[in-house]
Amino acid sequence: MFERFTRPAREVVVRAQREAHGLGHGRIGSPHLLLGLLSGSAPCGAVEVLSGCGVTAEAVRREFTALLDEFPRIADDDEAALAALGIDLGKIREAVEAGFGPGALDRVPDGARRPRGLLGRVLSGWRRGPVDEVALLRACGSPRGAHVPFSPGAKKALELSLREALRLGDRSIDVDHLLLGLLRAGDTAAAVIFSRLGVALGDVRIALEAHHRRSA
């Protein structure tokens, strides 16, 4: 896939790796890709759109650092982990019990294994998203050697950038496509940072696609 990347898109990945190295992370996560995209010196449509929404490299770095600092170990405190992502576990419990009766989250069907922790019971299908990505970046120490692998969230965003390029009829993957991939992969730590900045992914996507059409 990387053979389809334009030079500016490749430079985004290189800068993302530098961000991961600088933070002592053993994986390139979706927030590193977002920082790599924002920290370039050349003018870029994706950066213009993000800046118009109040998303800058400084703001992303601040929220990323705060998220890593605030985010507890999942095994230690499920409720605090969800709260760090802006999710009120109490409200989720109330909504589920209103529809399915008191103690619905604690009931396990016959023959089924009980998911570990309340977080597992509430978000068993969602944990592979931002929760796991933040936990992975916190757990992985300083990388050994020059190569830093991608987190699952970053891999998903890169794969979706190819789909976005194909959807728009473009033969190469450029910086705009990388951002569209990050926006489409909405279950990542980068998506949490957008939320913390008060930015809706759909609004950024609409603005970016409009800019892309004008510049095509």
N, C-alpha and C. Protein backbone atom coordinates (compact mmCIF):
# COMPACT_ATOMS: atom_id res chain seq x y z
N MET A 1 0.81 -1.21 0.00
CA MET A 1 0.00 0.00 0.00
C MET A 1 0.85 1.27 0.00
N PHE A 2 2.01 1.22 0.69
CA PHE A 2 2.81 2.42 0.82
C PHE A 2 3.39 2.91 -0.51
N GLU A 3 3.42 2.03 -1.51
CA GLU A 3 3.90 2.48 -2.81
C GLU A 3 2.93 3.48 -3.44
N ARG A 4 1.70 3.53 -2.96
CA ARG A 4 0.71 4.48 -3.46
C ARG A 4 0.82 5.85 -2.79
N PHE A 5 1.59 5.94 -1.72
CA PHE A 5 1.68 7.18 -0.97
C PHE A 5 2.45 8.24 -1.75
N THR A 6 1.93 9.47 -1.74
CA THR A 6 2.68 10.60 -2.28
C THR A 6 3.81 10.94 -1.31
N ARG A 7 4.73 11.76 -1.77
CA ARG A 7 5.84 12.14 -0.89
C ARG A 7 5.34 12.84 0.39
N PRO A 8 4.40 13.80 0.28
CA PRO A 8 3.90 14.43 1.52
C PRO A 8 3.26 13.43 2.47
N ALA A 9 2.56 12.43 1.94
CA ALA A 9 1.93 11.42 2.79
C ALA A 9 2.99 10.57 3.49
N ARG A 10 4.04 10.23 2.77
CA ARG A 10 5.14 9.47 3.39
C ARG A 10 5.79 10.27 4.51
N GLU A 11 5.91 11.58 4.28
CA GLU A 11 6.53 12.43 5.30
C GLU A 11 5.67 12.49 6.56
N VAL A 12 4.35 12.40 6.39
CA VAL A 12 3.47 12.35 7.56
C VAL A 12 3.79 11.13 8.42
N VAL A 13 3.98 9.98 7.77
CA VAL A 13 4.28 8.75 8.50
C VAL A 13 5.64 8.85 9.19
N VAL A 14 6.62 9.46 8.49
CA VAL A 14 7.95 9.63 9.10
C VAL A 14 7.85 10.52 10.34
N ARG A 15 7.09 11.61 10.23
CA ARG A 15 6.95 12.49 11.39
C ARG A 15 6.17 11.80 12.52
N ALA A 16 5.21 10.97 12.16
CA ALA A 16 4.46 10.22 13.18
C ALA A 16 5.40 9.29 13.94
N GLN A 17 6.33 8.67 13.23
CA GLN A 17 7.30 7.80 13.89
C GLN A 17 8.18 8.61 14.84
N ARG A 18 8.56 9.80 14.42
CA ARG A 18 9.36 10.66 15.29
C ARG A 18 8.57 11.04 16.55
N GLU A 19 7.28 11.30 16.38
CA GLU A 19 6.45 11.63 17.54
C GLU A 19 6.42 10.46 18.52
N ALA A 20 6.27 9.25 17.99
CA ALA A 20 6.25 8.06 18.84
C ALA A 20 7.58 7.91 19.57
N HIS A 21 8.69 8.08 18.85
CA HIS A 21 10.01 8.00 19.46
C HIS A 21 10.15 9.05 20.56
N GLY A 22 9.72 10.28 20.26
CA GLY A 22 9.88 11.36 21.22
C GLY A 22 9.11 11.14 22.51
N LEU A 23 7.96 10.44 22.41
CA LEU A 23 7.15 10.17 23.59
C LEU A 23 7.51 8.84 24.25
N GLY A 24 8.48 8.14 23.65
CA GLY A 24 8.90 6.87 24.22
C GLY A 24 7.90 5.76 24.03
N HIS A 25 7.08 5.84 22.97
CA HIS A 25 6.07 4.83 22.70
C HIS A 25 6.60 3.78 21.73
N GLY A 26 6.30 2.54 21.98
CA GLY A 26 6.75 1.46 21.13
C GLY A 26 5.83 1.15 19.97
N ARG A 27 4.80 1.96 19.78
CA ARG A 27 3.88 1.83 18.65
C ARG A 27 3.58 3.21 18.08
N ILE A 28 3.31 3.25 16.77
CA ILE A 28 2.80 4.48 16.16
C ILE A 28 1.28 4.39 16.23
N GLY A 29 0.67 5.25 17.03
CA GLY A 29 -0.77 5.23 17.19
C GLY A 29 -1.45 6.27 16.31
N SER A 30 -2.77 6.23 16.30
CA SER A 30 -3.52 7.20 15.51
C SER A 30 -3.23 8.64 15.95
N PRO A 31 -3.01 8.93 17.25
CA PRO A 31 -2.65 10.32 17.61
C PRO A 31 -1.30 10.74 17.03
N HIS A 32 -0.36 9.80 16.92
CA HIS A 32 0.93 10.13 16.31
C HIS A 32 0.75 10.49 14.83
N LEU A 33 -0.12 9.75 14.14
CA LEU A 33 -0.41 10.06 12.73
C LEU A 33 -1.01 11.46 12.62
N LEU A 34 -1.93 11.78 13.53
CA LEU A 34 -2.55 13.11 13.49
C LEU A 34 -1.51 14.19 13.75
N LEU A 35 -0.61 13.95 14.69
CA LEU A 35 0.46 14.91 14.95
C LEU A 35 1.41 15.02 13.77
N GLY A 36 1.72 13.88 13.13
CA GLY A 36 2.57 13.90 11.95
C GLY A 36 1.96 14.70 10.82
N LEU A 37 0.64 14.62 10.71
CA LEU A 37 -0.07 15.36 9.68
C LEU A 37 -0.05 16.86 9.96
N LEU A 38 -0.19 17.22 11.22
CA LEU A 38 -0.30 18.63 11.59
C LEU A 38 1.04 19.35 11.69
N SER A 39 2.12 18.59 11.85
CA SER A 39 3.42 19.22 12.12
C SER A 39 4.25 19.49 10.88
N GLY A 40 3.69 19.31 9.71
CA GLY A 40 4.43 19.60 8.49
C GLY A 40 4.56 21.09 8.25
N SER A 41 5.59 21.48 7.52
CA SER A 41 5.83 22.90 7.25
C SER A 41 5.18 23.37 5.96
N ALA A 42 4.94 22.45 5.02
CA ALA A 42 4.37 22.83 3.73
C ALA A 42 2.86 23.04 3.87
N PRO A 43 2.28 24.01 3.12
CA PRO A 43 0.83 24.22 3.17
C PRO A 43 0.09 22.98 2.68
N CYS A 44 -1.04 22.71 3.32
CA CYS A 44 -1.76 21.47 3.03
C CYS A 44 -3.24 21.70 3.31
N GLY A 45 -4.09 21.19 2.40
CA GLY A 45 -5.52 21.37 2.56
C GLY A 45 -6.05 20.76 3.84
N ALA A 46 -5.56 19.57 4.19
CA ALA A 46 -6.03 18.91 5.41
C ALA A 46 -5.71 19.74 6.64
N VAL A 47 -4.51 20.32 6.67
CA VAL A 47 -4.11 21.14 7.81
C VAL A 47 -4.93 22.42 7.87
N GLU A 48 -5.24 23.00 6.71
CA GLU A 48 -6.07 24.21 6.67
C GLU A 48 -7.45 23.92 7.24
N VAL A 49 -8.02 22.79 6.87
CA VAL A 49 -9.35 22.42 7.36
C VAL A 49 -9.31 22.20 8.87
N LEU A 50 -8.29 21.48 9.34
CA LEU A 50 -8.18 21.22 10.78
C LEU A 50 -7.98 22.52 11.55
N SER A 51 -7.13 23.39 11.03
CA SER A 51 -6.89 24.67 11.71
C SER A 51 -8.18 25.49 11.79
N GLY A 52 -9.00 25.42 10.72
CA GLY A 52 -10.27 26.12 10.74
C GLY A 52 -11.23 25.59 11.78
N CYS A 53 -11.03 24.34 12.19
CA CYS A 53 -11.84 23.73 13.24
C CYS A 53 -11.20 23.86 14.61
N GLY A 54 -10.08 24.56 14.68
CA GLY A 54 -9.39 24.75 15.95
C GLY A 54 -8.49 23.60 16.34
N VAL A 55 -8.17 22.73 15.39
CA VAL A 55 -7.30 21.58 15.68
C VAL A 55 -5.89 21.90 15.20
N THR A 56 -4.98 22.11 16.12
CA THR A 56 -3.58 22.40 15.81
C THR A 56 -2.69 21.33 16.44
N ALA A 57 -1.43 21.31 16.01
CA ALA A 57 -0.50 20.34 16.57
C ALA A 57 -0.35 20.55 18.08
N GLU A 58 -0.31 21.81 18.49
CA GLU A 58 -0.15 22.10 19.91
C GLU A 58 -1.34 21.61 20.71
N ALA A 59 -2.56 21.82 20.18
CA ALA A 59 -3.77 21.38 20.88
C ALA A 59 -3.83 19.86 20.96
N VAL A 60 -3.50 19.19 19.86
CA VAL A 60 -3.54 17.73 19.85
C VAL A 60 -2.50 17.16 20.80
N ARG A 61 -1.30 17.73 20.79
CA ARG A 61 -0.24 17.25 21.69
C ARG A 61 -0.65 17.44 23.15
N ARG A 62 -1.27 18.55 23.44
CA ARG A 62 -1.72 18.82 24.82
C ARG A 62 -2.77 17.80 25.26
N GLU A 63 -3.77 17.56 24.40
CA GLU A 63 -4.84 16.63 24.77
C GLU A 63 -4.35 15.19 24.79
N PHE A 64 -3.43 14.85 23.92
CA PHE A 64 -2.87 13.50 23.89
C PHE A 64 -2.09 13.23 25.18
N THR A 65 -1.27 14.19 25.57
CA THR A 65 -0.50 14.05 26.80
C THR A 65 -1.42 13.94 28.01
N ALA A 66 -2.46 14.78 28.04
CA ALA A 66 -3.40 14.75 29.15
C ALA A 66 -4.15 13.42 29.19
N LEU A 67 -4.53 12.91 28.02
CA LEU A 67 -5.24 11.64 27.96
C LEU A 67 -4.39 10.49 28.49
N LEU A 68 -3.13 10.47 28.11
CA LEU A 68 -2.22 9.44 28.59
C LEU A 68 -2.01 9.55 30.10
N ASP A 69 -1.93 10.78 30.59
CA ASP A 69 -1.72 10.99 32.03
C ASP A 69 -2.95 10.61 32.85
N GLU A 70 -4.13 10.92 32.30
CA GLU A 70 -5.37 10.70 33.05
C GLU A 70 -5.86 9.27 32.95
N PHE A 71 -5.51 8.59 31.89
CA PHE A 71 -6.09 7.29 31.60
C PHE A 71 -5.52 6.23 32.53
N PRO A 72 -6.35 5.60 33.37
CA PRO A 72 -5.84 4.59 34.30
C PRO A 72 -5.68 3.24 33.62
N ARG A 73 -4.98 2.36 34.26
CA ARG A 73 -4.90 0.99 33.76
C ARG A 73 -6.28 0.39 33.74
N ILE A 74 -6.67 -0.20 32.62
CA ILE A 74 -8.01 -0.73 32.47
C ILE A 74 -8.34 -1.73 33.57
N ALA A 75 -7.39 -2.59 33.90
CA ALA A 75 -7.64 -3.62 34.91
C ALA A 75 -7.84 -3.01 36.29
N ASP A 76 -7.37 -1.79 36.51
CA ASP A 76 -7.44 -1.18 37.82
C ASP A 76 -8.77 -0.47 38.06
N ASP A 77 -9.29 0.21 37.06
CA ASP A 77 -10.46 1.05 37.28
C ASP A 77 -11.24 1.22 35.99
N ASP A 78 -12.22 0.35 35.76
CA ASP A 78 -13.01 0.40 34.54
C ASP A 78 -13.77 1.71 34.41
N GLU A 79 -14.42 2.13 35.49
CA GLU A 79 -15.26 3.32 35.41
C GLU A 79 -14.44 4.56 35.12
N ALA A 80 -13.26 4.68 35.73
CA ALA A 80 -12.40 5.83 35.47
C ALA A 80 -11.87 5.80 34.04
N ALA A 81 -11.61 4.60 33.52
CA ALA A 81 -11.14 4.48 32.14
C ALA A 81 -12.18 5.01 31.17
N LEU A 82 -13.44 4.67 31.41
CA LEU A 82 -14.51 5.16 30.55
C LEU A 82 -14.70 6.67 30.74
N ALA A 83 -14.61 7.13 31.97
CA ALA A 83 -14.78 8.56 32.24
C ALA A 83 -13.72 9.37 31.51
N ALA A 84 -12.51 8.85 31.40
CA ALA A 84 -11.44 9.55 30.69
C ALA A 84 -11.78 9.72 29.23
N LEU A 85 -12.65 8.83 28.70
CA LEU A 85 -13.07 8.93 27.31
C LEU A 85 -14.42 9.64 27.17
N GLY A 86 -14.91 10.24 28.27
CA GLY A 86 -16.15 11.00 28.22
C GLY A 86 -17.40 10.15 28.27
N ILE A 87 -17.30 8.94 28.80
CA ILE A 87 -18.44 8.03 28.86
C ILE A 87 -18.88 7.87 30.31
N ASP A 88 -20.16 8.14 30.59
CA ASP A 88 -20.72 8.03 31.93
C ASP A 88 -21.26 6.62 32.11
N LEU A 89 -20.55 5.78 32.84
CA LEU A 89 -20.94 4.39 33.03
C LEU A 89 -22.26 4.28 33.76
N GLY A 90 -22.51 5.21 34.68
CA GLY A 90 -23.77 5.17 35.42
C GLY A 90 -24.96 5.36 34.51
N LYS A 91 -24.84 6.27 33.54
CA LYS A 91 -25.94 6.50 32.61
C LYS A 91 -26.15 5.31 31.69
N ILE A 92 -25.06 4.64 31.31
CA ILE A 92 -25.19 3.45 30.48
C ILE A 92 -25.95 2.37 31.25
N ARG A 93 -25.58 2.19 32.52
CA ARG A 93 -26.27 1.18 33.34
C ARG A 93 -27.75 1.51 33.47
N GLU A 94 -28.07 2.78 33.73
CA GLU A 94 -29.46 3.18 33.87
C GLU A 94 -30.25 2.90 32.60
N ALA A 95 -29.65 3.21 31.44
CA ALA A 95 -30.35 3.01 30.17
C ALA A 95 -30.60 1.52 29.90
N VAL A 96 -29.58 0.68 30.18
CA VAL A 96 -29.72 -0.75 29.95
C VAL A 96 -30.77 -1.34 30.88
N GLU A 97 -30.73 -0.95 32.16
CA GLU A 97 -31.68 -1.51 33.13
C GLU A 97 -33.09 -1.00 32.87
N ALA A 98 -33.23 0.21 32.30
CA ALA A 98 -34.56 0.71 31.95
C ALA A 98 -35.20 -0.15 30.87
N GLY A 99 -34.39 -0.66 29.98
CA GLY A 99 -34.93 -1.48 28.89
C GLY A 99 -35.01 -2.95 29.19
N PHE A 100 -34.09 -3.45 30.03
CA PHE A 100 -34.00 -4.89 30.24
C PHE A 100 -34.18 -5.33 31.70
N GLY A 101 -34.43 -4.37 32.58
CA GLY A 101 -34.69 -4.72 33.96
C GLY A 101 -33.47 -4.57 34.85
N PRO A 102 -33.70 -4.44 36.16
CA PRO A 102 -32.60 -4.29 37.12
C PRO A 102 -31.62 -5.45 37.05
N GLY A 103 -30.33 -5.13 37.13
CA GLY A 103 -29.31 -6.16 37.12
C GLY A 103 -29.04 -6.79 35.77
N ALA A 104 -29.52 -6.12 34.67
CA ALA A 104 -29.37 -6.71 33.34
C ALA A 104 -27.91 -6.90 32.97
N LEU A 105 -27.05 -5.97 33.40
CA LEU A 105 -25.64 -6.08 33.05
C LEU A 105 -24.95 -7.21 33.80
N ASP A 106 -25.55 -7.66 34.88
CA ASP A 106 -24.92 -8.69 35.70
C ASP A 106 -25.38 -10.09 35.35
N ARG A 107 -26.41 -10.18 34.48
CA ARG A 107 -26.92 -11.51 34.11
C ARG A 107 -26.11 -12.06 32.95
N VAL A 108 -25.80 -13.34 33.01
CA VAL A 108 -25.04 -14.01 31.96
C VAL A 108 -25.86 -15.18 31.43
N PRO A 109 -26.08 -15.28 30.11
CA PRO A 109 -26.83 -16.40 29.56
C PRO A 109 -26.19 -17.74 29.92
N ASP A 110 -27.02 -18.77 29.99
CA ASP A 110 -26.51 -20.11 30.29
C ASP A 110 -25.45 -20.51 29.29
N GLY A 111 -24.33 -21.00 29.80
CA GLY A 111 -23.25 -21.48 28.94
C GLY A 111 -22.30 -20.40 28.48
N ALA A 112 -22.63 -19.13 28.76
CA ALA A 112 -21.75 -18.03 28.32
C ALA A 112 -20.76 -17.70 29.43
N ARG A 113 -19.58 -17.24 29.03
CA ARG A 113 -18.56 -16.81 29.98
C ARG A 113 -18.82 -15.37 30.37
N ARG A 114 -18.67 -15.06 31.64
CA ARG A 114 -18.85 -13.69 32.10
C ARG A 114 -17.64 -12.85 31.70
N PRO A 115 -17.86 -11.75 30.93
CA PRO A 115 -16.73 -10.88 30.59
C PRO A 115 -16.10 -10.32 31.86
N ARG A 116 -14.80 -10.13 31.82
CA ARG A 116 -14.09 -9.63 32.98
C ARG A 116 -14.36 -8.15 33.19
N GLY A 117 -14.88 -7.80 34.37
CA GLY A 117 -15.10 -6.41 34.72
C GLY A 117 -16.35 -5.83 34.08
N LEU A 118 -16.84 -4.75 34.67
CA LEU A 118 -18.03 -4.10 34.15
C LEU A 118 -17.76 -3.50 32.78
N LEU A 119 -16.55 -3.03 32.56
CA LEU A 119 -16.19 -2.49 31.25
C LEU A 119 -16.36 -3.55 30.17
N GLY A 120 -15.95 -4.77 30.48
CA GLY A 120 -16.10 -5.85 29.50
C GLY A 120 -17.55 -6.15 29.22
N ARG A 121 -18.41 -6.06 30.24
CA ARG A 121 -19.82 -6.37 30.05
C ARG A 121 -20.53 -5.29 29.25
N VAL A 122 -20.12 -4.03 29.46
CA VAL A 122 -20.79 -2.93 28.76
C VAL A 122 -20.26 -2.75 27.35
N LEU A 123 -18.93 -2.88 27.19
CA LEU A 123 -18.29 -2.55 25.92
C LEU A 123 -17.50 -3.71 25.35
N SER A 124 -18.03 -4.92 25.47
CA SER A 124 -17.27 -6.08 25.01
C SER A 124 -16.97 -6.02 23.53
N GLY A 125 -17.81 -5.35 22.74
CA GLY A 125 -17.55 -5.23 21.31
C GLY A 125 -16.81 -3.98 20.93
N TRP A 126 -16.51 -3.11 21.90
CA TRP A 126 -15.92 -1.81 21.58
C TRP A 126 -14.52 -1.65 22.13
N ARG A 127 -14.09 -2.55 23.01
CA ARG A 127 -12.82 -2.37 23.70
C ARG A 127 -11.61 -2.34 22.77
N ARG A 128 -11.75 -2.89 21.59
CA ARG A 128 -10.60 -2.89 20.68
C ARG A 128 -10.34 -1.52 20.07
N GLY A 129 -11.17 -0.56 20.41
CA GLY A 129 -11.02 0.77 19.88
C GLY A 129 -10.12 1.63 20.72
N PRO A 130 -10.59 2.84 21.11
CA PRO A 130 -9.73 3.79 21.81
C PRO A 130 -9.24 3.29 23.15
N VAL A 131 -10.05 2.50 23.87
CA VAL A 131 -9.61 2.00 25.17
C VAL A 131 -8.33 1.19 25.02
N ASP A 132 -8.36 0.23 24.11
CA ASP A 132 -7.20 -0.63 23.93
C ASP A 132 -6.02 0.12 23.34
N GLU A 133 -6.29 1.09 22.44
CA GLU A 133 -5.16 1.80 21.82
C GLU A 133 -4.42 2.64 22.85
N VAL A 134 -5.16 3.35 23.70
CA VAL A 134 -4.50 4.15 24.73
C VAL A 134 -3.74 3.26 25.68
N ALA A 135 -4.37 2.13 26.07
CA ALA A 135 -3.69 1.20 26.98
C ALA A 135 -2.42 0.64 26.35
N LEU A 136 -2.48 0.33 25.04
CA LEU A 136 -1.32 -0.22 24.35
C LEU A 136 -0.18 0.78 24.31
N LEU A 137 -0.49 2.04 23.99
CA LEU A 137 0.55 3.06 23.91
C LEU A 137 1.17 3.31 25.28
N ARG A 138 0.38 3.23 26.32
CA ARG A 138 0.92 3.40 27.66
C ARG A 138 1.80 2.23 28.06
N ALA A 139 1.40 1.04 27.61
CA ALA A 139 2.12 -0.16 28.06
C ALA A 139 3.44 -0.36 27.33
N CYS A 140 3.49 0.06 26.05
CA CYS A 140 4.70 -0.17 25.25
C CYS A 140 5.76 0.86 25.61
N GLY A 141 6.94 0.38 25.97
CA GLY A 141 8.03 1.27 26.33
C GLY A 141 8.74 1.82 25.12
N SER A 142 9.88 2.40 25.38
CA SER A 142 10.66 3.00 24.30
C SER A 142 11.01 1.96 23.24
N PRO A 143 10.83 2.31 21.96
CA PRO A 143 11.10 1.35 20.89
C PRO A 143 12.57 1.00 20.78
N ARG A 144 12.82 -0.23 20.39
CA ARG A 144 14.19 -0.67 20.15
C ARG A 144 14.47 -0.62 18.65
N GLY A 145 15.53 0.10 18.28
CA GLY A 145 15.86 0.22 16.87
C GLY A 145 15.03 1.30 16.19
N ALA A 146 15.20 1.40 14.89
CA ALA A 146 14.56 2.47 14.13
C ALA A 146 13.11 2.16 13.80
N HIS A 147 12.77 0.87 13.65
CA HIS A 147 11.43 0.51 13.20
C HIS A 147 10.45 0.55 14.37
N VAL A 148 9.31 1.22 14.16
CA VAL A 148 8.24 1.26 15.16
C VAL A 148 6.97 0.75 14.48
N PRO A 149 6.37 -0.33 14.96
CA PRO A 149 5.15 -0.84 14.34
C PRO A 149 3.95 0.06 14.61
N PHE A 150 2.90 -0.14 13.84
CA PHE A 150 1.68 0.64 14.00
C PHE A 150 0.74 -0.04 15.00
N SER A 151 -0.02 0.77 15.71
CA SER A 151 -1.07 0.24 16.57
C SER A 151 -2.22 -0.21 15.67
N PRO A 152 -3.13 -1.05 16.18
CA PRO A 152 -4.29 -1.46 15.37
C PRO A 152 -5.11 -0.26 14.88
N GLY A 153 -5.25 0.77 15.73
CA GLY A 153 -6.00 1.95 15.30
C GLY A 153 -5.33 2.69 14.16
N ALA A 154 -4.01 2.80 14.20
CA ALA A 154 -3.28 3.46 13.13
C ALA A 154 -3.34 2.64 11.84
N LYS A 155 -3.21 1.31 11.97
CA LYS A 155 -3.31 0.44 10.80
C LYS A 155 -4.67 0.60 10.13
N LYS A 156 -5.71 0.65 10.94
CA LYS A 156 -7.06 0.79 10.39
C LYS A 156 -7.19 2.11 9.63
N ALA A 157 -6.66 3.19 10.21
CA ALA A 157 -6.73 4.49 9.55
C ALA A 157 -5.98 4.49 8.23
N LEU A 158 -4.82 3.86 8.19
CA LEU A 158 -4.04 3.80 6.95
C LEU A 158 -4.76 2.98 5.88
N GLU A 159 -5.34 1.85 6.29
CA GLU A 159 -6.10 1.03 5.33
C GLU A 159 -7.29 1.79 4.78
N LEU A 160 -7.97 2.54 5.65
CA LEU A 160 -9.12 3.31 5.20
C LEU A 160 -8.72 4.48 4.32
N SER A 161 -7.49 4.97 4.47
CA SER A 161 -7.04 6.05 3.59
C SER A 161 -6.98 5.58 2.14
N LEU A 162 -6.61 4.32 1.94
CA LEU A 162 -6.61 3.75 0.59
C LEU A 162 -8.03 3.68 0.05
N ARG A 163 -8.95 3.25 0.87
CA ARG A 163 -10.35 3.17 0.43
C ARG A 163 -10.89 4.55 0.09
N GLU A 164 -10.48 5.55 0.88
CA GLU A 164 -10.94 6.91 0.61
C GLU A 164 -10.38 7.42 -0.72
N ALA A 165 -9.14 7.11 -1.01
CA ALA A 165 -8.55 7.53 -2.28
C ALA A 165 -9.28 6.88 -3.45
N LEU A 166 -9.56 5.58 -3.32
CA LEU A 166 -10.28 4.88 -4.38
C LEU A 166 -11.70 5.43 -4.54
N ARG A 167 -12.34 5.73 -3.44
CA ARG A 167 -13.71 6.26 -3.49
C ARG A 167 -13.76 7.60 -4.21
N LEU A 168 -12.73 8.40 -4.01
CA LEU A 168 -12.69 9.72 -4.64
C LEU A 168 -12.09 9.68 -6.04
N GLY A 169 -11.70 8.50 -6.49
CA GLY A 169 -11.16 8.36 -7.84
C GLY A 169 -9.73 8.83 -7.97
N ASP A 170 -8.99 8.84 -6.89
CA ASP A 170 -7.59 9.28 -6.92
C ASP A 170 -6.67 8.07 -6.97
N ARG A 171 -5.60 8.17 -7.75
CA ARG A 171 -4.70 7.05 -7.93
C ARG A 171 -3.66 6.94 -6.82
N SER A 172 -3.39 8.05 -6.14
CA SER A 172 -2.39 8.07 -5.07
C SER A 172 -3.04 8.41 -3.74
N ILE A 173 -2.37 8.04 -2.66
CA ILE A 173 -2.83 8.37 -1.31
C ILE A 173 -2.08 9.60 -0.86
N ASP A 174 -2.81 10.69 -0.68
CA ASP A 174 -2.19 11.94 -0.27
C ASP A 174 -2.58 12.25 1.18
N VAL A 175 -2.17 13.42 1.66
CA VAL A 175 -2.41 13.79 3.06
C VAL A 175 -3.91 13.89 3.34
N ASP A 176 -4.68 14.42 2.37
CA ASP A 176 -6.12 14.49 2.57
C ASP A 176 -6.72 13.12 2.83
N HIS A 177 -6.25 12.12 2.09
CA HIS A 177 -6.78 10.77 2.27
C HIS A 177 -6.39 10.20 3.63
N LEU A 178 -5.19 10.55 4.09
CA LEU A 178 -4.79 10.09 5.42
C LEU A 178 -5.72 10.65 6.49
N LEU A 179 -6.07 11.92 6.38
CA LEU A 179 -6.98 12.50 7.35
C LEU A 179 -8.37 11.89 7.23
N LEU A 180 -8.83 11.67 6.00
CA LEU A 180 -10.14 11.02 5.82
C LEU A 180 -10.14 9.62 6.43
N GLY A 181 -9.02 8.91 6.32
CA GLY A 181 -8.91 7.60 6.95
C GLY A 181 -8.99 7.70 8.46
N LEU A 182 -8.32 8.69 9.04
CA LEU A 182 -8.39 8.90 10.49
C LEU A 182 -9.81 9.24 10.93
N LEU A 183 -10.51 10.03 10.14
CA LEU A 183 -11.88 10.41 10.48
C LEU A 183 -12.82 9.23 10.36
N ARG A 184 -12.60 8.40 9.35
CA ARG A 184 -13.48 7.26 9.14
C ARG A 184 -13.25 6.18 10.19
N ALA A 185 -12.03 6.05 10.67
CA ALA A 185 -11.74 5.09 11.74
C ALA A 185 -12.11 5.74 13.07
N GLY A 186 -13.39 5.84 13.32
CA GLY A 186 -13.87 6.64 14.44
C GLY A 186 -13.69 6.03 15.81
N ASP A 187 -13.19 4.79 15.90
CA ASP A 187 -13.03 4.14 17.21
C ASP A 187 -11.56 4.08 17.61
N THR A 188 -10.89 5.23 17.54
CA THR A 188 -9.46 5.30 17.83
C THR A 188 -9.19 6.36 18.89
N ALA A 189 -7.96 6.37 19.39
CA ALA A 189 -7.57 7.39 20.35
C ALA A 189 -7.59 8.78 19.71
N ALA A 190 -7.30 8.87 18.41
CA ALA A 190 -7.36 10.16 17.72
C ALA A 190 -8.78 10.71 17.75
N ALA A 191 -9.77 9.83 17.60
CA ALA A 191 -11.17 10.26 17.65
C ALA A 191 -11.51 10.82 19.03
N VAL A 192 -10.94 10.22 20.07
CA VAL A 192 -11.16 10.73 21.43
C VAL A 192 -10.57 12.13 21.57
N ILE A 193 -9.40 12.35 20.98
CA ILE A 193 -8.77 13.67 21.04
C ILE A 193 -9.63 14.71 20.32
N PHE A 194 -10.18 14.35 19.17
CA PHE A 194 -11.10 15.25 18.48
C PHE A 194 -12.27 15.61 19.40
N SER A 195 -12.81 14.61 20.07
CA SER A 195 -13.94 14.84 20.98
C SER A 195 -13.55 15.75 22.12
N ARG A 196 -12.35 15.54 22.68
CA ARG A 196 -11.89 16.39 23.78
C ARG A 196 -11.70 17.83 23.33
N LEU A 197 -11.43 18.02 22.05
CA LEU A 197 -11.28 19.37 21.50
C LEU A 197 -12.61 19.96 21.06
N GLY A 198 -13.69 19.20 21.23
CA GLY A 198 -15.02 19.69 20.87
C GLY A 198 -15.28 19.70 19.38
N VAL A 199 -14.60 18.82 18.65
CA VAL A 199 -14.72 18.78 17.19
C VAL A 199 -15.44 17.50 16.77
N ALA A 200 -16.46 17.64 15.93
CA ALA A 200 -17.21 16.49 15.41
C ALA A 200 -16.51 15.95 14.17
N LEU A 201 -16.29 14.63 14.13
CA LEU A 201 -15.61 14.02 12.99
C LEU A 201 -16.35 14.30 11.69
N GLY A 202 -17.67 14.24 11.73
CA GLY A 202 -18.45 14.47 10.51
C GLY A 202 -18.27 15.87 9.96
N ASP A 203 -18.16 16.86 10.83
CA ASP A 203 -17.98 18.23 10.37
C ASP A 203 -16.64 18.40 9.65
N VAL A 204 -15.58 17.79 10.22
CA VAL A 204 -14.26 17.87 9.60
C VAL A 204 -14.28 17.17 8.25
N ARG A 205 -14.93 16.04 8.20
CA ARG A 205 -14.99 15.26 6.95
C ARG A 205 -15.69 16.05 5.84
N ILE A 206 -16.82 16.67 6.17
CA ILE A 206 -17.56 17.45 5.18
C ILE A 206 -16.70 18.60 4.66
N ALA A 207 -16.05 19.32 5.57
CA ALA A 207 -15.21 20.45 5.17
C ALA A 207 -14.03 19.98 4.32
N LEU A 208 -13.43 18.85 4.68
CA LEU A 208 -12.27 18.35 3.95
C LEU A 208 -12.66 17.89 2.55
N GLU A 209 -13.78 17.19 2.43
CA GLU A 209 -14.21 16.73 1.11
C GLU A 209 -14.56 17.90 0.21
N ALA A 210 -15.17 18.93 0.77
CA ALA A 210 -15.48 20.12 -0.02
C ALA A 210 -14.20 20.79 -0.50
N HIS A 211 -13.20 20.89 0.37
CA HIS A 211 -11.91 21.48 -0.01
C HIS A 211 -11.24 20.62 -1.08
N HIS A 212 -11.32 19.31 -0.92
CA HIS A 212 -10.68 18.39 -1.88
C HIS A 212 -11.31 18.53 -3.26
N ARG A 213 -12.63 18.69 -3.31
CA ARG A 213 -13.30 18.84 -4.61
C ARG A 213 -12.89 20.15 -5.27
N ARG A 214 -12.78 21.21 -4.48
CA ARG A 214 -12.40 22.51 -5.06
C ARG A 214 -11.00 22.51 -5.62
N SER A 215 -10.10 21.75 -4.98
CA SER A 215 -8.70 21.75 -5.41
C SER A 215 -8.41 20.68 -6.45
N ALA A 216 -9.36 19.82 -6.74
CA ALA A 216 -9.13 18.72 -7.71
C ALA A 216 -9.02 19.26 -9.13
